[in-house]
């Protein structure tokens, strides 16, 4: 069973831009639709010329992300590449292959940034929550932790509806940031596998990884979310991560955002891997049983027998 983490970048985007920007192969006409996690779709095309690649992105949760500063992050990360948005998409970037950076390091960084379009867009609410945490933590330290009371505005829960019936809820506080995933289990088997995986998260923190985030699981929405969740489907489970100050240092923030925003995909990926592994073992065991049964059958079935005098009679 696979245990590795999923990649944060889009493999096809990275491959395409590696050929065009780093290897600088001969420009070709492009018109491709590419899918990614979290209901993300890219349209890669060359509408003006082969040397000008237009990348447009659609993400289901765009309206939610804009409220938390997604456009500012896109401008910060992609600067002059931002162009007029293609119809039917949320934003577009235009890469002119005739105006690439001279150094290999800069071109490699450009390819890495372009392949992380989804990750950077989804980072907006996390960055905002971490900034609020830092401001509240600083104020609480100055005024005394025992007497500090954050305002209701500072404690506002950010919700990102990024999949059908599934959302991410992020709440900053002066001593932690809480991230809750509402995830749909398609059948009861998925729920069983999911509980086993989540129990491993809890046990790992208890046994060896003392500085890991606290992980909680419930079939009911946490109390602070019940006003936000008007309709609760019966097959939704809620996984909560509690990030403490040790996880929110300046050195760890970028990696923390990358890890936690891919949790849902990582979680369901390993559920599917586990089910596939169990099914393969069942098929293997069934084949072994069939071999045993086949070996138990007589190879030459005697249809009739003959007496000493030569008379024949049917064998029973």
Protein backbone atom coordinates (compact mmCIF):
# COMPACT_ATOMS: atom_id res chain seq x y z
CA UNK A 1 0.00 0.00 0.00
CA UNK A 2 1.33 3.43 -0.94
CA UNK A 3 2.13 5.84 1.89
CA UNK A 4 3.81 8.76 0.13
CA UNK A 5 2.39 12.26 0.07
CA UNK A 6 0.70 13.59 -3.03
CA UNK A 7 2.54 16.18 -5.08
CA UNK A 8 1.48 19.81 -4.61
CA UNK A 9 2.12 20.79 -8.23
CA UNK A 10 0.25 19.79 -11.37
CA UNK A 11 2.40 17.26 -13.22
CA UNK A 12 1.14 18.10 -16.71
CA UNK A 13 1.66 21.85 -16.23
CA UNK A 14 5.18 21.23 -14.96
CA UNK A 15 6.01 18.93 -17.87
CA UNK A 16 4.62 21.32 -20.48
CA UNK A 17 6.41 24.40 -19.12
CA UNK A 18 9.64 22.49 -18.55
CA UNK A 19 9.74 21.73 -22.27
CA UNK A 20 8.78 25.28 -23.27
CA UNK A 21 10.74 27.36 -20.73
CA UNK A 22 13.71 25.32 -19.47
CA UNK A 23 14.47 23.09 -22.45
CA UNK A 24 13.23 25.84 -24.84
CA UNK A 25 11.96 23.43 -27.44
CA UNK A 26 10.44 24.74 -30.68
CA UNK A 27 7.08 26.43 -29.85
CA UNK A 28 4.00 24.51 -30.95
CA UNK A 29 0.28 25.28 -31.09
CA UNK A 30 -1.46 24.23 -27.86
CA UNK A 31 -5.13 23.79 -26.93
CA UNK A 32 -5.51 21.53 -23.90
CA UNK A 33 -7.89 21.15 -20.95
CA UNK A 34 -6.22 19.86 -17.78
CA UNK A 35 -7.92 18.78 -14.55
CA UNK A 36 -6.55 19.02 -11.03
CA UNK A 37 -7.68 18.27 -7.49
CA UNK A 38 -10.46 20.29 -5.81
CA UNK A 39 -12.55 20.78 -8.97
CA UNK A 40 -9.86 22.80 -10.73
CA UNK A 41 -9.64 23.03 -14.52
CA UNK A 42 -6.91 24.65 -16.62
CA UNK A 43 -7.15 25.74 -20.24
CA UNK A 44 -3.71 25.96 -21.89
CA UNK A 45 -3.73 27.55 -25.33
CA UNK A 46 -1.82 29.70 -27.81
CA UNK A 47 -4.56 31.99 -29.19
CA UNK A 48 -2.28 34.75 -30.50
CA UNK A 49 0.99 33.03 -31.44
CA UNK A 50 2.88 29.83 -30.70
CA UNK A 51 5.33 31.78 -28.56
CA UNK A 52 2.61 33.14 -26.24
CA UNK A 53 1.04 30.56 -23.93
CA UNK A 54 -2.22 31.50 -22.18
CA UNK A 55 -3.05 29.58 -18.99
CA UNK A 56 -6.56 30.06 -17.61
CA UNK A 57 -7.80 28.52 -14.37
CA UNK A 58 -11.27 27.70 -13.08
CA UNK A 59 -11.76 26.76 -9.42
CA UNK A 60 -15.12 26.05 -7.83
CA UNK A 61 -14.34 28.00 -4.65
CA UNK A 62 -13.10 31.16 -6.42
CA UNK A 63 -15.74 33.48 -4.89
CA UNK A 64 -14.82 32.31 -1.40
CA UNK A 65 -11.09 32.62 -2.07
CA UNK A 66 -11.42 36.17 -3.42
CA UNK A 67 -12.92 37.27 -0.09
CA UNK A 68 -9.73 36.11 1.65
CA UNK A 69 -7.20 37.71 -0.68
CA UNK A 70 -6.65 35.23 -3.54
CA UNK A 71 -6.28 37.99 -6.14
CA UNK A 72 -3.57 39.71 -4.09
CA UNK A 73 -1.63 36.44 -3.85
CA UNK A 74 -1.90 35.88 -7.61
CA UNK A 75 -0.57 39.39 -8.29
CA UNK A 76 2.20 38.85 -5.75
CA UNK A 77 3.30 35.50 -7.18
CA UNK A 78 2.80 36.08 -10.93
CA UNK A 79 3.18 39.88 -11.27
CA UNK A 80 3.33 40.88 -14.97
CA UNK A 81 2.05 37.49 -16.15
CA UNK A 82 -1.52 38.34 -15.05
CA UNK A 83 -3.61 39.25 -18.07
CA UNK A 84 -7.24 39.70 -19.11
CA UNK A 85 -9.31 36.76 -17.88
CA UNK A 86 -10.48 34.29 -20.51
CA UNK A 87 -14.26 33.87 -20.66
CA UNK A 88 -15.50 31.00 -18.49
CA UNK A 89 -12.45 31.04 -16.20
CA UNK A 90 -11.49 32.88 -13.01
CA UNK A 91 -8.10 34.31 -13.99
CA UNK A 92 -5.50 33.99 -16.76
CA UNK A 93 -1.73 34.23 -17.12
CA UNK A 94 0.15 34.97 -20.36
CA UNK A 95 3.69 33.58 -20.76
CA UNK A 96 5.69 35.14 -23.59
CA UNK A 97 8.44 32.69 -24.57
CA UNK A 98 10.36 35.49 -26.26
CA UNK A 99 10.72 37.36 -22.94
CA UNK A 100 11.94 34.65 -20.58
CA UNK A 101 14.48 35.25 -17.77
CA UNK A 102 18.09 34.76 -18.78
CA UNK A 103 19.29 32.61 -15.87
CA UNK A 104 18.38 28.94 -15.53
CA UNK A 105 17.49 29.42 -11.84
CA UNK A 106 14.90 32.07 -12.66
CA UNK A 107 13.37 29.93 -15.41
CA UNK A 108 13.19 26.92 -13.06
CA UNK A 109 11.46 29.06 -10.43
CA UNK A 110 8.98 30.29 -13.04
CA UNK A 111 8.11 26.69 -14.01
CA UNK A 112 7.68 25.74 -10.34
CA UNK A 113 5.39 28.73 -9.71
CA UNK A 114 3.24 28.00 -12.77
CA UNK A 115 2.80 24.36 -11.76
CA UNK A 116 1.63 25.51 -8.29
CA UNK A 117 -1.30 27.61 -9.51
CA UNK A 118 -3.90 25.66 -7.52
CA UNK A 119 -1.76 25.51 -4.40
CA UNK A 120 -1.04 29.24 -4.40
CA UNK A 121 -4.68 30.17 -5.00
CA UNK A 122 -5.93 27.87 -2.22
CA UNK A 123 -3.30 29.32 0.15
CA UNK A 124 -5.17 32.64 0.51
CA UNK A 125 -7.41 31.82 3.52
CA UNK A 126 -4.58 29.97 5.29
CA UNK A 127 -2.20 32.93 4.94
CA UNK A 128 -4.90 35.28 6.23
CA UNK A 129 -5.63 33.00 9.21
CA UNK A 130 -1.92 32.78 10.07
CA UNK A 131 -1.56 36.58 9.91
CA UNK A 132 -4.54 36.99 12.24
CA UNK A 133 -3.03 34.42 14.61
CA UNK A 134 0.29 36.27 14.71
CA UNK A 135 -1.40 39.61 15.40
CA UNK A 136 -3.60 38.19 18.17
CA UNK A 137 -0.75 36.19 19.69
CA UNK A 138 1.46 39.29 19.83
CA UNK A 139 -1.31 41.34 21.43
CA UNK A 140 -2.14 38.58 23.91
CA UNK A 141 1.52 38.27 24.92
CA UNK A 142 1.75 42.01 25.54
CA UNK A 143 -1.52 42.25 27.49
CA UNK A 144 -1.31 38.93 29.35
CA UNK A 145 -2.64 35.61 28.05
CA UNK A 146 -5.01 35.13 31.00
CA UNK A 147 -6.90 38.38 30.35
CA UNK A 148 -6.87 38.58 26.57
CA UNK A 149 -10.23 38.32 24.78
CA UNK A 150 -10.13 38.32 20.95
CA UNK A 151 -12.87 40.20 19.11
CA UNK A 152 -15.62 38.38 17.24
CA UNK A 153 -14.22 39.76 13.97
CA UNK A 154 -10.79 38.25 14.68
CA UNK A 155 -12.39 34.88 15.47
CA UNK A 156 -14.51 34.83 12.29
CA UNK A 157 -14.60 31.37 10.70
CA UNK A 158 -13.51 31.32 7.05
CA UNK A 159 -15.36 28.77 4.91
CA UNK A 160 -14.21 27.52 1.49
CA UNK A 161 -16.80 25.50 -0.42
CA UNK A 162 -14.40 23.75 -2.77
CA UNK A 163 -16.31 20.56 -3.61
CA UNK A 164 -19.96 19.46 -3.77
CA UNK A 165 -21.13 19.00 -0.14
CA UNK A 166 -17.54 19.46 1.09
CA UNK A 167 -15.95 22.52 2.67
CA UNK A 168 -12.89 23.66 4.60
CA UNK A 169 -13.41 25.79 7.70
CA UNK A 170 -10.51 27.82 9.14
CA UNK A 171 -10.68 29.67 12.46
CA UNK A 172 -7.73 31.67 13.86
CA UNK A 173 -7.30 32.30 17.58
CA UNK A 174 -4.57 33.86 19.71
CA UNK A 175 -3.09 30.46 20.65
CA UNK A 176 -3.99 28.21 17.68
CA UNK A 177 -5.48 27.89 14.22
CA UNK A 178 -8.21 25.29 13.74
CA UNK A 179 -8.76 23.74 10.30
CA UNK A 180 -11.80 21.49 9.78
CA UNK A 181 -12.50 19.41 6.67
CA UNK A 182 -16.02 18.26 5.94
CA UNK A 183 -15.57 15.19 3.74
CA UNK A 184 -18.13 12.91 2.08
CA UNK A 185 -17.85 9.13 2.42
CA UNK A 186 -19.54 7.43 -0.51
CA UNK A 187 -20.25 4.18 1.34
CA UNK A 188 -19.95 2.57 4.78
CA UNK A 189 -16.70 0.81 3.83
CA UNK A 190 -15.04 4.19 3.25
CA UNK A 191 -16.16 5.31 6.70
CA UNK A 192 -14.54 2.23 8.29
CA UNK A 193 -11.25 2.74 6.46
CA UNK A 194 -11.38 6.46 7.26
CA UNK A 195 -11.75 5.84 11.00
CA UNK A 196 -8.77 3.46 10.93
CA UNK A 197 -6.58 6.06 9.19
CA UNK A 198 -7.63 8.86 11.52
CA UNK A 199 -7.00 6.69 14.56
CA UNK A 200 -3.46 6.21 13.26
CA UNK A 201 -3.03 10.00 13.21
CA UNK A 202 -4.12 10.15 16.86
CA UNK A 203 -1.95 7.19 17.92
CA UNK A 204 1.12 8.51 16.07
CA UNK A 205 0.95 11.77 18.03
CA UNK A 206 0.50 9.85 21.27
CA UNK A 207 3.30 7.34 20.63
CA UNK A 208 6.16 9.15 18.95
CA UNK A 209 5.39 12.44 17.22
CA UNK A 210 4.69 14.71 20.18
CA UNK A 211 4.83 17.91 18.14
CA UNK A 212 2.25 16.77 15.54
CA UNK A 213 -1.05 18.68 15.24
CA UNK A 214 -3.98 17.38 17.25
CA UNK A 215 -6.47 15.48 15.05
CA UNK A 216 -10.16 15.04 15.91
CA UNK A 217 -12.89 13.20 14.01
CA UNK A 218 -16.65 13.37 14.36
CA UNK A 219 -19.73 12.47 12.33
CA UNK A 220 -21.41 15.62 13.66
CA UNK A 221 -20.22 19.17 12.89
CA UNK A 222 -18.14 20.77 15.67
CA UNK A 223 -20.20 23.11 17.87
CA UNK A 224 -18.65 26.28 16.42
CA UNK A 225 -19.65 25.22 12.88
CA UNK A 226 -23.26 24.25 13.43
CA UNK A 227 -24.57 27.73 12.66
CA UNK A 228 -22.67 27.74 9.36
CA UNK A 229 -23.77 24.26 8.26
CA UNK A 230 -27.46 24.53 7.48
CA UNK A 231 -27.88 21.11 5.89
CA UNK A 232 -25.80 18.19 7.10
CA UNK A 233 -25.73 15.10 4.86
CA UNK A 234 -25.63 11.82 6.76
CA UNK A 235 -22.50 10.58 4.98
CA UNK A 236 -20.27 13.58 5.88
CA UNK A 237 -17.49 13.28 8.44
CA UNK A 238 -15.59 16.17 10.02
CA UNK A 239 -11.82 16.03 10.50
CA UNK A 240 -10.28 18.80 12.59
CA UNK A 241 -6.60 19.78 12.80
CA UNK A 242 -5.47 22.01 15.65
CA UNK A 243 -2.32 23.90 14.64
CA UNK A 244 -0.35 25.26 17.59
CA UNK A 245 2.28 28.06 17.56
CA UNK A 246 5.08 25.57 16.87
CA UNK A 247 3.45 24.74 13.51
CA UNK A 248 2.90 28.38 12.58
CA UNK A 249 6.42 29.79 12.70
CA UNK A 250 7.63 31.77 9.68
CA UNK A 251 9.94 28.90 8.66
CA UNK A 252 7.13 26.32 8.66
CA UNK A 253 4.14 28.23 7.32
CA UNK A 254 4.63 27.55 3.60
CA UNK A 255 5.13 23.83 4.13
CA UNK A 256 2.24 23.68 6.58
CA UNK A 257 -0.11 25.27 4.01
CA UNK A 258 1.02 22.86 1.29
CA UNK A 259 0.53 19.82 3.52
CA UNK A 260 -2.81 20.67 5.05
CA UNK A 261 -4.63 21.85 1.92
CA UNK A 262 -3.98 18.49 0.23
CA UNK A 263 -5.21 16.48 3.24
CA UNK A 264 -8.61 15.61 1.77
CA UNK A 265 -7.12 14.27 -1.48
CA UNK A 266 -4.38 12.43 0.44
CA UNK A 267 -6.99 10.90 2.78
CA UNK A 268 -9.31 9.55 0.07
CA UNK A 269 -6.39 8.47 -2.10
CA UNK A 270 -5.17 6.15 0.66
CA UNK A 271 -8.69 4.85 1.33
CA UNK A 272 -8.89 3.80 -2.33
CA UNK A 273 -5.38 2.29 -2.17
CA UNK A 274 -6.34 0.28 0.91
CA UNK A 275 -9.52 -1.03 -0.71
CA UNK A 276 -7.59 -2.00 -3.85
CA UNK A 277 -4.98 -3.80 -1.72
CA UNK A 278 -7.65 -5.74 0.22
CA UNK A 279 -9.40 -6.73 -3.02
CA UNK A 280 -6.12 -7.93 -4.55
CA UNK A 281 -5.44 -10.08 -1.47
CA UNK A 282 -8.97 -11.52 -1.66
CA UNK A 283 -8.50 -12.41 -5.33
CA UNK A 284 -5.12 -13.99 -4.57
CA UNK A 285 -6.60 -16.07 -1.73
CA UNK A 286 -9.52 -17.16 -3.94
CA UNK A 287 -7.08 -18.32 -6.64
CA UNK A 288 -5.16 -20.33 -4.01
CA UNK A 289 -8.35 -22.04 -2.82
CA UNK A 290 -9.29 -22.92 -6.41
CA UNK A 291 -5.87 -24.50 -6.91
CA UNK A 292 -6.37 -26.64 -3.80
CA UNK A 293 -9.79 -27.77 -5.03
CA UNK A 294 -8.40 -28.60 -8.46
CA UNK A 295 -5.63 -30.71 -6.91
CA UNK A 296 -8.23 -32.62 -4.87
CA UNK A 297 -9.97 -33.92 -8.01
CA UNK A 298 -8.84 -37.36 -9.36
CA UNK A 299 -6.90 -36.92 -12.57
CA UNK A 300 -8.25 -40.17 -14.22
CA UNK A 301 -11.82 -40.94 -13.34
CA UNK A 302 -12.46 -44.69 -13.79
CA UNK A 303 -15.75 -45.03 -15.66
CA UNK A 304 -15.99 -48.89 -15.62
CA UNK A 305 -14.31 -51.87 -14.10
CA UNK A 306 -13.53 -55.37 -15.38
CA UNK A 307 -13.74 -58.71 -13.52
CA UNK A 308 -11.21 -61.59 -13.74
CA UNK A 309 -13.42 -63.34 -16.27
CA UNK A 310 -13.51 -60.33 -18.54
CA UNK A 311 -16.99 -59.06 -17.77
CA UNK A 312 -17.37 -55.26 -17.47
CA UNK A 313 -19.59 -53.23 -15.14
CA UNK A 314 -20.02 -49.52 -14.45
CA UNK A 315 -18.05 -48.08 -11.54
CA UNK A 316 -20.06 -46.25 -8.88
